């Protein structure tokens, strides 16, 4: 036994709800994800 199965974290489905920005900075980040090929994000999670 080992890996994901051992600790029960595997999922059969994913949350498919749309991601929405909560502020202007997040909107800028989401726009960059949609329009650029490579994005680097820094700062707090």
C-alpha atoms as a PDB file:
ATOM      1  CA  UNK A   1       0.000   0.000   0.000  1.00  0.00           C
ATOM      2  CA  UNK A   2       1.154   3.479  -0.686  1.00  0.00           C
ATOM      3  CA  UNK A   3       0.459   6.724  -2.399  1.00  0.00           C
ATOM      4  CA  UNK A   4      -2.891   8.430  -2.695  1.00  0.00           C
ATOM      5  CA  UNK A   5      -4.991   5.303  -2.204  1.00  0.00           C
ATOM      6  CA  UNK A   6      -3.460   4.613   1.204  1.00  0.00           C
ATOM      7  CA  UNK A   7      -4.655   7.888   2.696  1.00  0.00           C
ATOM      8  CA  UNK A   8      -7.996   8.017   0.895  1.00  0.00           C
ATOM      9  CA  UNK A   9      -7.527  11.228  -1.080  1.00  0.00           C
ATOM     10  CA  UNK A  10      -8.355   9.921  -4.563  1.00  0.00           C
ATOM     11  CA  UNK A  11     -11.504  11.396  -6.086  1.00  0.00           C
ATOM     12  CA  UNK A  12     -13.699  10.104  -8.869  1.00  0.00           C
ATOM     13  CA  UNK A  13     -15.144  13.533  -9.686  1.00  0.00           C
ATOM     14  CA  UNK A  14     -14.046  17.161  -9.608  1.00  0.00           C
ATOM     15  CA  UNK A  15     -15.714  20.426  -8.714  1.00  0.00           C
ATOM     16  CA  UNK A  16     -16.693  21.902 -12.073  1.00  0.00           C
ATOM     17  CA  UNK A  17     -18.104  25.192 -10.801  1.00  0.00           C
ATOM     18  CA  UNK A  18     -16.682  28.270 -12.573  1.00  0.00           C
ATOM     19  CA  UNK A  19     -13.799  30.135 -10.960  1.00  0.00           C
ATOM     20  CA  UNK A  20     -14.749  33.750 -10.173  1.00  0.00           C
ATOM     21  CA  UNK A  21     -12.465  36.612  -9.201  1.00  0.00           C
ATOM     22  CA  UNK A  22     -13.267  38.224  -5.860  1.00  0.00           C
ATOM     23  CA  UNK A  23     -11.236  41.379  -6.478  1.00  0.00           C
ATOM     24  CA  UNK A  24      -9.464  43.313  -9.239  1.00  0.00           C
ATOM     25  CA  UNK A  25      -6.114  41.574  -8.705  1.00  0.00           C
ATOM     26  CA  UNK A  26      -7.708  38.144  -9.073  1.00  0.00           C
ATOM     27  CA  UNK A  27      -9.531  39.308 -12.208  1.00  0.00           C
ATOM     28  CA  UNK A  28      -6.212  40.438 -13.683  1.00  0.00           C
ATOM     29  CA  UNK A  29      -4.671  37.046 -12.822  1.00  0.00           C
ATOM     30  CA  UNK A  30      -7.567  35.085 -14.372  1.00  0.00           C
ATOM     31  CA  UNK A  31      -7.381  37.242 -17.501  1.00  0.00           C
ATOM     32  CA  UNK A  32      -3.659  36.499 -17.774  1.00  0.00           C
ATOM     33  CA  UNK A  33      -4.336  32.754 -17.453  1.00  0.00           C
ATOM     34  CA  UNK A  34      -6.814  32.983 -20.339  1.00  0.00           C
ATOM     35  CA  UNK A  35      -4.630  35.105 -22.609  1.00  0.00           C
ATOM     36  CA  UNK A  36      -1.009  34.045 -21.954  1.00  0.00           C
ATOM     37  CA  UNK A  37       0.875  30.795 -22.486  1.00  0.00           C
ATOM     38  CA  UNK A  38       2.923  30.926 -19.274  1.00  0.00           C
ATOM     39  CA  UNK A  39       2.040  32.592 -15.951  1.00  0.00           C
ATOM     40  CA  UNK A  40       4.174  32.953 -12.814  1.00  0.00           C
ATOM     41  CA  UNK A  41       2.356  33.769  -9.591  1.00  0.00           C
ATOM     42  CA  UNK A  42       4.137  35.002  -6.472  1.00  0.00           C
ATOM     43  CA  UNK A  43       2.907  35.885  -3.025  1.00  0.00           C
ATOM     44  CA  UNK A  44       0.587  34.320  -0.526  1.00  0.00           C
ATOM     45  CA  UNK A  45      -1.629  31.405  -1.454  1.00  0.00           C
END
